[in-house]
């Protein structure tokens, strides 16, 4: 039992007396021997023992903490425990490592008890000193730094009953602390401290921008990026993700204020932004975990929206070169095995989708800026070609809109697209290997717009011949008996429907002089089977509706 009130009947209050003896002795030391709290005595082990005892008497004992914060002598003097932060003196480091967690833990427990003490401590010069001089050295003082950040959380917490002046104090504390960190921290070595700086709203984030915070965070990112790639230090993945989330929040807060001169000036001073973006691109590979890849893509998207001219000019050629190299290599397409395993297909889609969305954003931003270059056209095609087995409708939707547009830019882009050899490969791949993509109406509309612009008569004739042969061999697979097996029916009808759509498209471009005479009767027979399947499905649906009310009646 730690307090008199919680002691059993008949017990002495020795622990309570010991607690107050220690507390009183500590206060007496402050009064009679003030040098014990000054840097002249760097390692006073009596003070360390007293603080350690005091801390242990307060843990899980709010009564004792309440007695501390109710003592005006203690609350007045407790913050004046001067600490010598000689990070090169191993004796001092070891002393602080043992003493400081208890000391800042006592302060934290007092703040949890008393809002008045919290406000008093938040404005104390020694606390600002501790944030500035101790938190950048988390590896040397892990326990103390953890307690200091716990204190910081308490200093900025807002209660419903706070007065206006208290809210202003919180705001001022955050401003002072953020500014202090941005001035004193070395981003190359203090990224852990930087990550934990409190940024709760857009005002805080803009403060980061105005105080060279983007430059500081870039230094931190460069260090982590080097460690991740060169030191095999995969344990920094979490730090990278967390730092990028802060980057994202700061950039998003900046975008609404791009017309302000101070914001423009701050972004101009961030000259490392292009190199930063290129490093983000190097993390978009299968060796990076999904959370890191997605964090990189989110930041890249925000960078493009923030400064479209800069990043379209630099990122697009870099990406186009890499995709062109891949396209002309003999490396098999990573997404070429779709359609065999639903779980694997979903995993592939999760992996590639965000990157396709990023490339789509590049195109949309380029259209808005009227900066849709030939390089971007080539990049758009190459990415779409690589992702064709995923059957994403992003590329077809964009280019169908451009084809239907009357703007001069759209017409120029469509012309460049149709002249690109990779685009012809993309079209042929749909018709030969990925015909089921045509069951998507967006993809079908896309080919109605572009097929006649790309394929010539001889190419169409060869493809028509292949499709007719396929239909003649496959049309008998659709039988009315499949109506009871929905999955098989859906798969079979999907394949046949895709073949028919491809054939219609090709015939509309270049009707052949002659077609296999067996095609007509085969299509008539297929149509008859389809009608039977539709009738049987309608009958089954009607029967199900009739039985449903009867089952409800039996349940009632």
Protein backbone atom coordinates (compact mmCIF):
# COMPACT_ATOMS: atom_id res chain seq x y z
CA UNK A 1 0.00 0.00 0.00
CA UNK A 2 1.41 3.36 -0.97
CA UNK A 3 -0.79 5.78 0.96
CA UNK A 4 -2.26 6.06 4.42
CA UNK A 5 -5.81 6.05 3.07
CA UNK A 6 -5.28 2.71 1.37
CA UNK A 7 -3.52 0.99 4.30
CA UNK A 8 -5.37 -1.76 6.20
CA UNK A 9 -6.64 -1.04 9.69
CA UNK A 10 -3.92 -1.24 12.29
CA UNK A 11 -1.10 -0.77 9.77
CA UNK A 12 1.38 2.03 10.04
CA UNK A 13 1.66 4.56 7.27
CA UNK A 14 5.38 3.92 6.86
CA UNK A 15 5.27 3.97 3.06
CA UNK A 16 3.33 7.20 3.07
CA UNK A 17 5.78 8.66 5.58
CA UNK A 18 8.69 7.40 3.48
CA UNK A 19 7.21 9.02 0.43
CA UNK A 20 6.83 12.35 2.12
CA UNK A 21 10.23 12.01 3.75
CA UNK A 22 11.73 11.58 0.31
CA UNK A 23 9.68 14.42 -1.12
CA UNK A 24 10.47 16.73 1.78
CA UNK A 25 14.13 15.83 1.67
CA UNK A 26 14.16 16.58 -2.05
CA UNK A 27 12.55 19.99 -1.49
CA UNK A 28 15.02 20.67 1.34
CA UNK A 29 17.87 19.83 -0.99
CA UNK A 30 16.54 22.33 -3.49
CA UNK A 31 16.30 25.01 -0.81
CA UNK A 32 19.48 24.38 1.17
CA UNK A 33 21.80 23.01 -1.50
CA UNK A 34 20.70 24.52 -4.81
CA UNK A 35 23.94 23.47 -6.46
CA UNK A 36 22.68 19.89 -6.52
CA UNK A 37 20.34 21.03 -9.31
CA UNK A 38 22.97 22.94 -11.25
CA UNK A 39 25.28 21.72 -14.02
CA UNK A 40 28.30 22.10 -11.75
CA UNK A 41 27.35 18.74 -10.25
CA UNK A 42 26.74 16.63 -13.33
CA UNK A 43 26.02 13.25 -11.76
CA UNK A 44 24.50 13.41 -8.29
CA UNK A 45 23.40 9.89 -7.45
CA UNK A 46 21.48 10.97 -4.36
CA UNK A 47 19.20 13.01 -6.59
CA UNK A 48 18.88 10.05 -8.95
CA UNK A 49 17.90 7.73 -6.10
CA UNK A 50 15.36 10.22 -4.73
CA UNK A 51 13.74 10.74 -8.12
CA UNK A 52 13.64 7.01 -8.80
CA UNK A 53 11.96 6.38 -5.43
CA UNK A 54 9.56 9.26 -5.97
CA UNK A 55 8.64 7.95 -9.43
CA UNK A 56 7.94 4.43 -8.14
CA UNK A 57 5.78 5.81 -5.35
CA UNK A 58 3.66 7.67 -7.91
CA UNK A 59 3.17 4.91 -10.50
CA UNK A 60 -0.43 3.63 -10.35
CA UNK A 61 -1.04 5.76 -7.27
CA UNK A 62 -2.96 8.92 -8.22
CA UNK A 63 -3.29 9.84 -4.52
CA UNK A 64 0.45 10.39 -4.24
CA UNK A 65 0.57 12.30 -7.52
CA UNK A 66 -2.23 14.52 -6.23
CA UNK A 67 -0.21 15.28 -3.12
CA UNK A 68 2.71 16.31 -5.33
CA UNK A 69 0.78 18.74 -7.51
CA UNK A 70 -0.98 20.23 -4.47
CA UNK A 71 2.35 21.23 -2.92
CA UNK A 72 3.24 24.71 -4.23
CA UNK A 73 6.88 24.37 -3.21
CA UNK A 74 7.28 21.19 -5.25
CA UNK A 75 5.42 22.46 -8.31
CA UNK A 76 7.45 25.65 -8.26
CA UNK A 77 10.84 23.95 -8.04
CA UNK A 78 10.46 20.59 -9.73
CA UNK A 79 11.11 21.94 -13.22
CA UNK A 80 14.44 23.40 -12.12
CA UNK A 81 16.34 20.15 -12.24
CA UNK A 82 19.17 21.28 -14.44
CA UNK A 83 20.53 18.54 -16.66
CA UNK A 84 23.98 18.42 -18.17
CA UNK A 85 23.64 17.05 -21.69
CA UNK A 86 27.22 16.17 -22.48
CA UNK A 87 26.61 13.51 -25.10
CA UNK A 88 30.32 12.71 -25.38
CA UNK A 89 30.85 12.00 -21.67
CA UNK A 90 29.88 8.37 -21.13
CA UNK A 91 29.47 8.82 -17.36
CA UNK A 92 27.02 11.68 -17.89
CA UNK A 93 25.17 9.74 -20.58
CA UNK A 94 24.76 6.71 -18.32
CA UNK A 95 23.62 8.89 -15.42
CA UNK A 96 21.01 10.66 -17.56
CA UNK A 97 19.86 7.39 -19.06
CA UNK A 98 19.03 6.12 -15.58
CA UNK A 99 17.73 9.34 -14.01
CA UNK A 100 15.82 11.15 -16.74
CA UNK A 101 13.06 8.57 -17.44
CA UNK A 102 12.01 8.75 -13.79
CA UNK A 103 12.22 12.54 -13.70
CA UNK A 104 10.17 13.14 -16.86
CA UNK A 105 7.84 10.31 -15.82
CA UNK A 106 7.05 12.21 -12.60
CA UNK A 107 6.36 15.35 -14.61
CA UNK A 108 4.12 13.41 -16.99
CA UNK A 109 2.06 11.92 -14.14
CA UNK A 110 1.69 15.37 -12.59
CA UNK A 111 0.46 16.78 -15.90
CA UNK A 112 -2.07 13.97 -16.18
CA UNK A 113 -3.45 15.04 -12.80
CA UNK A 114 -3.34 18.83 -13.07
CA UNK A 115 -4.20 21.04 -16.08
CA UNK A 116 -2.77 24.03 -14.23
CA UNK A 117 0.56 22.28 -13.73
CA UNK A 118 0.51 21.23 -17.39
CA UNK A 119 0.17 24.81 -18.58
CA UNK A 120 2.86 25.98 -16.17
CA UNK A 121 5.30 23.28 -17.27
CA UNK A 122 4.62 23.71 -21.00
CA UNK A 123 5.93 27.27 -20.90
CA UNK A 124 8.98 26.47 -18.77
CA UNK A 125 12.31 27.15 -20.40
CA UNK A 126 13.81 23.89 -19.19
CA UNK A 127 11.19 21.87 -21.04
CA UNK A 128 11.95 23.65 -24.30
CA UNK A 129 15.63 22.99 -23.56
CA UNK A 130 14.90 19.29 -23.10
CA UNK A 131 12.99 19.06 -26.38
CA UNK A 132 15.83 20.79 -28.19
CA UNK A 133 18.79 19.01 -26.58
CA UNK A 134 17.54 15.56 -25.62
CA UNK A 135 14.92 14.36 -28.12
CA UNK A 136 17.35 14.46 -31.06
CA UNK A 137 19.33 11.76 -29.20
CA UNK A 138 16.68 9.08 -28.90
CA UNK A 139 19.24 6.28 -29.29
CA UNK A 140 21.12 7.48 -26.19
CA UNK A 141 18.11 8.27 -23.99
CA UNK A 142 15.21 6.12 -25.29
CA UNK A 143 13.22 6.12 -22.05
CA UNK A 144 13.61 9.84 -21.41
CA UNK A 145 12.73 10.77 -25.01
CA UNK A 146 9.61 8.59 -24.87
CA UNK A 147 8.48 10.41 -21.72
CA UNK A 148 9.24 13.81 -23.29
CA UNK A 149 7.04 13.04 -26.27
CA UNK A 150 4.34 11.85 -23.89
CA UNK A 151 4.61 15.26 -22.23
CA UNK A 152 4.35 16.96 -25.59
CA UNK A 153 1.10 15.13 -26.27
CA UNK A 154 -0.29 16.37 -22.96
CA UNK A 155 0.85 19.96 -23.66
CA UNK A 156 -1.16 20.14 -26.89
CA UNK A 157 -4.24 18.23 -25.72
CA UNK A 158 -7.39 20.36 -25.81
CA UNK A 159 -10.24 19.96 -23.36
CA UNK A 160 -13.82 21.07 -23.86
CA UNK A 161 -13.67 23.40 -20.85
CA UNK A 162 -10.53 25.26 -21.92
CA UNK A 163 -10.59 29.04 -21.82
CA UNK A 164 -9.56 31.11 -24.82
CA UNK A 165 -6.22 32.01 -23.25
CA UNK A 166 -5.45 28.33 -22.62
CA UNK A 167 -6.20 27.49 -26.24
CA UNK A 168 -3.89 30.30 -27.28
CA UNK A 169 -1.19 28.86 -24.99
CA UNK A 170 -1.52 25.49 -26.72
CA UNK A 171 -1.26 27.14 -30.11
CA UNK A 172 1.81 29.12 -29.06
CA UNK A 173 3.50 26.03 -27.57
CA UNK A 174 3.06 24.12 -30.83
CA UNK A 175 4.37 27.04 -32.87
CA UNK A 176 7.40 27.50 -30.62
CA UNK A 177 8.22 23.80 -30.49
CA UNK A 178 7.83 23.17 -34.22
CA UNK A 179 9.94 26.23 -35.07
CA UNK A 180 12.58 25.16 -32.57
CA UNK A 181 12.83 21.67 -34.04
CA UNK A 182 13.03 22.91 -37.60
CA UNK A 183 15.89 25.23 -36.65
CA UNK A 184 17.95 22.82 -34.56
CA UNK A 185 17.45 19.33 -35.97
CA UNK A 186 19.76 17.66 -38.46
CA UNK A 187 17.49 15.82 -40.85
CA UNK A 188 20.22 13.37 -41.81
CA UNK A 189 20.46 11.89 -38.32
CA UNK A 190 17.37 12.99 -36.37
CA UNK A 191 14.57 11.62 -38.54
CA UNK A 192 13.02 9.72 -35.61
CA UNK A 193 12.57 12.99 -33.72
CA UNK A 194 11.33 14.81 -36.79
CA UNK A 195 8.70 12.15 -37.44
CA UNK A 196 7.23 12.64 -33.97
CA UNK A 197 6.86 16.43 -34.22
CA UNK A 198 3.21 17.29 -33.64
CA UNK A 199 1.41 18.36 -36.81
CA UNK A 200 -2.31 18.35 -36.09
CA UNK A 201 -3.77 20.83 -38.57
CA UNK A 202 -2.98 22.76 -41.74
CA UNK A 203 -1.67 25.72 -39.76
CA UNK A 204 0.98 23.46 -38.20
CA UNK A 205 1.85 21.99 -41.59
CA UNK A 206 2.21 25.39 -43.24
CA UNK A 207 4.53 26.36 -40.41
CA UNK A 208 6.73 23.44 -41.49
CA UNK A 209 6.76 24.74 -45.07
CA UNK A 210 7.71 28.28 -44.00
CA UNK A 211 10.55 27.06 -41.77
CA UNK A 212 12.42 25.02 -44.40
CA UNK A 213 10.71 21.87 -43.17
CA UNK A 214 10.46 20.35 -46.65
CA UNK A 215 14.22 20.59 -47.01
CA UNK A 216 14.74 19.05 -43.59
CA UNK A 217 12.35 16.19 -44.31
CA UNK A 218 14.06 15.58 -47.66
CA UNK A 219 17.38 15.19 -45.84
CA UNK A 220 15.75 12.64 -43.55
CA UNK A 221 14.27 10.80 -46.51
CA UNK A 222 17.62 10.70 -48.32
CA UNK A 223 19.27 9.13 -45.29
CA UNK A 224 16.53 6.52 -44.90
CA UNK A 225 16.53 5.84 -48.64
CA UNK A 226 20.29 5.22 -48.58
CA UNK A 227 19.98 2.91 -45.57
CA UNK A 228 17.10 1.02 -47.17
CA UNK A 229 19.02 0.38 -50.40
CA UNK A 230 22.69 0.28 -49.44
CA UNK A 231 22.84 -0.88 -45.83
CA UNK A 232 20.21 -3.62 -46.14
CA UNK A 233 18.47 -1.83 -43.29
CA UNK A 234 14.92 -2.97 -43.89
CA UNK A 235 14.06 -2.04 -40.33
CA UNK A 236 13.72 1.57 -41.56
CA UNK A 237 10.68 0.70 -43.69
CA UNK A 238 8.30 1.88 -40.98
CA UNK A 239 10.21 5.15 -40.61
CA UNK A 240 10.05 5.69 -44.37
CA UNK A 241 6.30 5.11 -44.47
CA UNK A 242 5.71 7.39 -41.50
CA UNK A 243 7.91 10.15 -42.92
CA UNK A 244 6.13 9.93 -46.28
CA UNK A 245 2.76 10.21 -44.55
CA UNK A 246 3.96 13.48 -43.00
CA UNK A 247 5.23 14.62 -46.39
CA UNK A 248 1.82 13.87 -47.88
CA UNK A 249 -0.09 15.78 -45.21
CA UNK A 250 2.22 18.81 -45.54
CA UNK A 251 1.98 18.87 -49.34
CA UNK A 252 -1.81 18.54 -49.24
CA UNK A 253 -2.00 21.42 -46.79
CA UNK A 254 0.13 23.54 -49.13
CA UNK A 255 -1.83 23.05 -52.35
CA UNK A 256 -4.85 25.28 -51.49
CA UNK A 257 -2.48 28.21 -50.87
CA UNK A 258 -0.32 28.06 -53.99
CA UNK A 259 -1.26 31.62 -54.92
CA UNK A 260 0.26 33.02 -51.73
CA UNK A 261 3.70 34.55 -52.18
CA UNK A 262 5.15 33.02 -49.03
CA UNK A 263 4.05 29.55 -50.11
CA UNK A 264 5.45 30.03 -53.61
CA UNK A 265 8.75 31.22 -52.19
CA UNK A 266 9.00 28.26 -49.82
CA UNK A 267 8.40 25.80 -52.67
CA UNK A 268 10.98 27.55 -54.86
CA UNK A 269 13.54 27.15 -52.08
CA UNK A 270 12.82 23.40 -51.99
CA UNK A 271 15.23 22.72 -54.83
CA UNK A 272 15.61 19.04 -53.92
CA UNK A 273 12.05 18.21 -54.94
CA UNK A 274 12.94 16.68 -58.33
CA UNK A 275 15.63 14.44 -56.89
CA UNK A 276 13.21 13.50 -54.12
CA UNK A 277 10.62 12.43 -56.70
CA UNK A 278 13.16 10.32 -58.60
CA UNK A 279 14.11 8.53 -55.38
CA UNK A 280 10.43 7.82 -54.76
CA UNK A 281 10.26 6.14 -58.16
CA UNK A 282 13.12 3.81 -57.23
CA UNK A 283 10.96 2.40 -54.43
CA UNK A 284 8.16 1.32 -56.79
CA UNK A 285 9.31 -2.26 -57.19
CA UNK A 286 8.26 -5.69 -56.04
CA UNK A 287 10.92 -5.70 -53.30
CA UNK A 288 9.22 -2.85 -51.45
CA UNK A 289 6.26 -3.79 -49.24
CA UNK A 290 2.80 -2.57 -50.37
CA UNK A 291 2.53 0.11 -47.68
CA UNK A 292 5.80 1.68 -48.85
CA UNK A 293 4.91 1.57 -52.56
CA UNK A 294 1.51 3.08 -51.92
CA UNK A 295 2.99 5.81 -49.72
CA UNK A 296 5.46 6.70 -52.50
CA UNK A 297 2.70 6.83 -55.11
CA UNK A 298 0.49 9.00 -52.91
CA UNK A 299 3.31 11.52 -52.47
CA UNK A 300 4.17 11.42 -56.19
CA UNK A 301 0.55 12.17 -57.09
CA UNK A 302 0.54 15.14 -54.74
CA UNK A 303 3.81 16.44 -56.19
CA UNK A 304 2.37 16.32 -59.71
CA UNK A 305 -0.73 18.22 -58.59
CA UNK A 306 1.42 20.70 -56.67
CA UNK A 307 3.81 21.55 -59.49
CA UNK A 308 2.60 19.95 -62.75
CA UNK A 309 5.02 21.69 -65.12
CA UNK A 310 8.11 20.65 -63.14
CA UNK A 311 7.16 17.04 -62.67
CA UNK A 312 5.66 16.41 -66.10
CA UNK A 313 8.88 17.74 -67.60
CA UNK A 314 11.15 15.52 -65.48
CA UNK A 315 9.23 12.39 -64.48
CA UNK A 316 7.61 11.52 -67.82
CA UNK A 317 10.87 11.08 -69.82
CA UNK A 318 12.38 9.06 -66.97
CA UNK A 319 9.39 6.72 -66.79
CA UNK A 320 9.05 6.43 -70.56
CA UNK A 321 12.70 5.42 -70.91
CA UNK A 322 12.33 2.68 -68.28
CA UNK A 323 9.11 1.30 -69.74
CA UNK A 324 10.56 1.38 -73.25
CA UNK A 325 13.60 -0.59 -72.07
CA UNK A 326 11.30 -3.14 -70.42
CA UNK A 327 9.09 -3.35 -73.51
CA UNK A 328 12.03 -4.24 -75.75
CA UNK A 329 13.51 -6.75 -73.31
CA UNK A 330 12.69 -10.43 -73.15
CA UNK A 331 11.38 -10.20 -69.58
CA UNK A 332 7.96 -11.92 -69.38
CA UNK A 333 5.01 -9.74 -68.46
CA UNK A 334 4.38 -10.09 -64.72
CA UNK A 335 0.59 -9.86 -65.21
CA UNK A 336 0.38 -12.35 -68.14
CA UNK A 337 -1.01 -15.19 -66.02
CA UNK A 338 -4.34 -13.55 -65.16
CA UNK A 339 -7.61 -15.43 -65.34
CA UNK A 340 -6.48 -18.71 -63.74
CA UNK A 341 -6.73 -17.95 -60.02
CA UNK A 342 -9.10 -15.34 -58.58
CA UNK A 343 -6.99 -14.74 -55.47
CA UNK A 344 -3.86 -14.25 -57.55
CA UNK A 345 -5.76 -11.92 -59.89
CA UNK A 346 -6.86 -9.75 -56.97
CA UNK A 347 -3.30 -9.60 -55.67
CA UNK A 348 -2.02 -8.53 -59.08
CA UNK A 349 -4.70 -5.88 -59.32
CA UNK A 350 -3.86 -4.55 -55.85
CA UNK A 351 -0.20 -4.39 -56.83
CA UNK A 352 -0.56 -2.64 -60.21
CA UNK A 353 -3.71 -0.54 -59.91
CA UNK A 354 -2.26 2.38 -57.97
CA UNK A 355 0.58 2.76 -60.48
CA UNK A 356 -1.86 2.78 -63.41
CA UNK A 357 -3.88 5.42 -61.58
CA UNK A 358 -0.72 7.48 -61.16
CA UNK A 359 0.04 7.31 -64.90
CA UNK A 360 -3.57 8.28 -65.58
CA UNK A 361 -3.16 11.30 -63.31
CA UNK A 362 -0.10 12.36 -65.32
CA UNK A 363 -2.23 12.30 -68.46
CA UNK A 364 -5.16 14.19 -66.92
CA UNK A 365 -2.88 16.87 -65.49
CA UNK A 366 -1.09 17.18 -68.84
CA UNK A 367 -4.43 17.70 -70.58
CA UNK A 368 -5.39 20.44 -68.13
CA UNK A 369 -2.00 22.12 -68.61
CA UNK A 370 -1.98 21.50 -72.37
CA UNK A 371 1.36 19.70 -71.93
CA UNK A 372 0.44 16.33 -73.43
CA UNK A 373 3.70 15.53 -75.21
CA UNK A 374 4.65 12.71 -77.57
CA UNK A 375 6.73 11.19 -74.74
CA UNK A 376 3.68 11.05 -72.49
CA UNK A 377 1.64 9.46 -75.29
CA UNK A 378 4.27 6.72 -75.62
CA UNK A 379 4.39 6.25 -71.85
CA UNK A 380 0.61 5.95 -71.67
CA UNK A 381 0.59 3.22 -74.32
CA UNK A 382 3.45 1.24 -72.82
CA UNK A 383 1.89 1.16 -69.34
CA UNK A 384 -1.49 0.16 -70.79
CA UNK A 385 0.12 -2.61 -72.85
CA UNK A 386 1.94 -4.03 -69.82
CA UNK A 387 -1.26 -4.02 -67.78
CA UNK A 388 -3.57 -5.33 -70.49
CA UNK A 389 -4.13 -8.76 -68.83
CA UNK A 390 -5.61 -6.88 -65.86
CA UNK A 391 -8.37 -5.54 -68.15
CA UNK A 392 -8.22 -2.06 -66.66
CA UNK A 393 -10.50 0.40 -68.45
CA UNK A 394 -8.44 3.47 -67.44
CA UNK A 395 -6.51 3.81 -70.70
CA UNK A 396 -9.50 3.09 -73.04
CA UNK A 397 -11.72 5.57 -71.20
CA UNK A 398 -9.17 8.39 -71.43
CA UNK A 399 -8.45 7.91 -75.12
CA UNK A 400 -12.09 7.43 -76.09
CA UNK A 401 -12.76 10.85 -74.55
CA UNK A 402 -9.82 12.37 -76.42
CA UNK A 403 -10.92 10.77 -79.69
CA UNK A 404 -14.38 12.27 -79.28
CA UNK A 405 -13.02 15.70 -78.32
CA UNK A 406 -12.85 18.51 -80.85
CA UNK A 407 -9.88 20.30 -79.29
CA UNK A 408 -6.70 20.76 -81.30
CA UNK A 409 -4.63 19.18 -78.49
CA UNK A 410 -6.83 16.07 -78.47
CA UNK A 411 -6.58 15.64 -82.23
CA UNK A 412 -2.79 15.97 -82.11
CA UNK A 413 -2.56 13.42 -79.30
CA UNK A 414 -4.81 10.93 -81.12
CA UNK A 415 -2.64 11.25 -84.22
CA UNK A 416 0.51 10.60 -82.18
CA UNK A 417 -1.15 7.61 -80.52
CA UNK A 418 -2.15 5.99 -83.78
CA UNK A 419 1.36 6.43 -85.17
CA UNK A 420 2.96 4.65 -82.22
CA UNK A 421 3.90 1.02 -83.07
CA UNK A 422 3.25 -0.03 -79.47
CA UNK A 423 -0.37 1.07 -79.83
CA UNK A 424 -0.84 -1.25 -82.80
CA UNK A 425 0.59 -4.06 -80.66
CA UNK A 426 -1.85 -3.15 -77.89
CA UNK A 427 -4.84 -3.37 -80.26
CA UNK A 428 -3.72 -6.70 -81.72
CA UNK A 429 -3.12 -8.10 -78.24
CA UNK A 430 -6.72 -7.32 -77.30
CA UNK A 431 -8.05 -9.04 -80.41
CA UNK A 432 -5.77 -12.07 -80.23
CA UNK A 433 -5.08 -12.76 -76.53
CA UNK A 434 -7.38 -10.62 -74.38
CA UNK A 435 -10.68 -10.67 -76.26
CA UNK A 436 -12.71 -11.08 -73.08
CA UNK A 437 -11.71 -7.47 -72.34
CA UNK A 438 -14.22 -6.53 -75.06
CA UNK A 439 -17.04 -7.58 -72.73
CA UNK A 440 -16.26 -4.33 -70.97
CA UNK A 441 -18.33 -1.69 -72.80
CA UNK A 442 -15.63 0.95 -72.30
CA UNK A 443 -13.08 -1.26 -74.06
CA UNK A 444 -15.55 -2.07 -76.85
CA UNK A 445 -16.35 1.61 -77.43
CA UNK A 446 -12.63 2.34 -77.46
CA UNK A 447 -12.04 -0.12 -80.28
CA UNK A 448 -14.96 1.24 -82.28
CA UNK A 449 -13.14 4.58 -82.19
CA UNK A 450 -9.61 3.38 -82.94
CA UNK A 451 -9.64 0.04 -84.74
CA UNK A 452 -10.12 1.53 -88.21
CA UNK A 453 -7.32 4.04 -87.52
CA UNK A 454 -4.76 1.31 -86.79
CA UNK A 455 -5.48 -1.96 -88.60
CA UNK A 456 -5.24 -2.36 -92.36
CA UNK A 457 -7.25 -4.69 -94.59
CA UNK A 458 -4.80 -7.63 -94.69
CA UNK A 459 -4.37 -7.59 -90.91
CA UNK A 460 -8.14 -7.61 -90.44
CA UNK A 461 -8.61 -10.50 -92.88
CA UNK A 462 -6.15 -12.68 -90.99
CA UNK A 463 -7.78 -11.90 -87.65
CA UNK A 464 -11.28 -12.52 -89.07
CA UNK A 465 -10.16 -15.94 -90.28
CA UNK A 466 -8.85 -16.83 -86.81
CA UNK A 467 -12.06 -15.65 -85.12
CA UNK A 468 -14.32 -17.57 -87.48
CA UNK A 469 -12.36 -20.76 -86.82
CA UNK A 470 -12.67 -20.18 -83.07
CA UNK A 471 -16.41 -19.58 -83.24
CA UNK A 472 -17.03 -22.69 -85.30
CA UNK A 473 -15.17 -24.83 -82.77
CA UNK A 474 -16.52 -23.14 -79.63
CA UNK A 475 -20.17 -22.41 -80.40
CA UNK A 476 -21.28 -25.95 -79.51
CA UNK A 477 -19.94 -25.46 -75.95
CA UNK A 478 -22.95 -23.30 -75.06
CA UNK A 479 -25.65 -25.81 -74.13
CA UNK A 480 -28.97 -25.23 -72.26
CA UNK A 481 -27.85 -27.74 -69.62
CA UNK A 482 -25.35 -25.14 -68.36
CA UNK A 483 -28.19 -23.01 -67.01
CA UNK A 484 -27.92 -24.95 -63.74
CA UNK A 485 -24.21 -24.16 -63.49
CA UNK A 486 -23.93 -20.40 -63.40
CA UNK A 487 -20.14 -20.17 -63.28
CA UNK A 488 -19.60 -22.42 -66.30
CA UNK A 489 -22.38 -20.68 -68.20
CA UNK A 490 -20.94 -17.25 -67.42
CA UNK A 491 -17.45 -18.28 -68.52
CA UNK A 492 -18.60 -19.93 -71.75
CA UNK A 493 -20.97 -17.15 -72.73
CA UNK A 494 -18.29 -14.55 -71.91
CA UNK A 495 -15.79 -16.18 -74.26
CA UNK A 496 -18.31 -16.47 -77.07
CA UNK A 497 -19.59 -12.93 -76.58
CA UNK A 498 -16.03 -11.56 -76.74
CA UNK A 499 -15.34 -13.46 -79.96
CA UNK A 500 -18.55 -12.15 -81.50
CA UNK A 501 -17.75 -8.57 -80.48
CA UNK A 502 -14.25 -8.85 -81.96
CA UNK A 503 -15.69 -10.25 -85.18
CA UNK A 504 -18.24 -7.44 -85.46
CA UNK A 505 -15.50 -4.85 -84.98
CA UNK A 506 -13.25 -6.39 -87.61
CA UNK A 507 -16.07 -6.82 -90.12
CA UNK A 508 -16.99 -3.15 -89.68
CA UNK A 509 -13.45 -2.12 -90.59
CA UNK A 510 -12.76 -4.42 -93.52
CA UNK A 511 -15.53 -6.79 -94.69
CA UNK A 512 -13.92 -9.80 -96.46
CA UNK A 513 -15.00 -10.88 -99.91
CA UNK A 514 -15.85 -14.35 -98.60
CA UNK A 515 -16.41 -15.97 -95.22
CA UNK A 516 -16.51 -19.64 -94.30
CA UNK A 517 -20.03 -20.75 -95.36
CA UNK A 518 -20.40 -22.73 -92.14
CA UNK A 519 -20.37 -19.52 -90.09
CA UNK A 520 -23.97 -18.51 -90.87
CA UNK A 521 -25.62 -21.77 -89.79
CA UNK A 522 -23.37 -21.96 -86.74
CA UNK A 523 -24.42 -18.49 -85.62
CA UNK A 524 -28.10 -19.35 -86.18
CA UNK A 525 -27.73 -22.45 -84.04
CA UNK A 526 -25.90 -20.46 -81.37
CA UNK A 527 -28.67 -17.86 -81.35
CA UNK A 528 -31.28 -20.58 -80.89
CA UNK A 529 -29.37 -22.01 -77.92
CA UNK A 530 -29.10 -18.56 -76.38
CA UNK A 531 -32.86 -18.10 -76.61
CA UNK A 532 -33.42 -21.47 -74.90
CA UNK A 533 -30.98 -20.49 -72.14
CA UNK A 534 -32.76 -17.16 -71.64
CA UNK A 535 -36.15 -18.88 -71.45
CA UNK A 536 -34.90 -21.44 -68.93
CA UNK A 537 -33.30 -18.75 -66.79
CA UNK A 538 -36.52 -16.72 -66.80
CA UNK A 539 -38.48 -19.80 -65.78
CA UNK A 540 -36.09 -20.54 -62.92
CA UNK A 541 -36.28 -16.93 -61.69
CA UNK A 542 -40.08 -17.01 -61.81
CA UNK A 543 -40.16 -20.27 -59.88
CA UNK A 544 -37.83 -18.84 -57.27
CA UNK A 545 -40.11 -15.80 -56.80
CA UNK A 546 -43.17 -18.03 -56.37
CA UNK A 547 -41.47 -20.20 -53.73
CA UNK A 548 -40.11 -17.30 -51.73
CA UNK A 549 -43.48 -16.14 -50.23
CA UNK A 550 -44.38 -19.74 -49.36
CA UNK A 551 -41.16 -20.19 -47.40
CA UNK A 552 -41.90 -16.95 -45.53
CA UNK A 553 -45.40 -18.22 -44.66
CA UNK A 554 -43.96 -21.45 -43.23
CA UNK A 555 -41.48 -19.48 -41.14
CA UNK A 556 -44.28 -17.34 -39.73
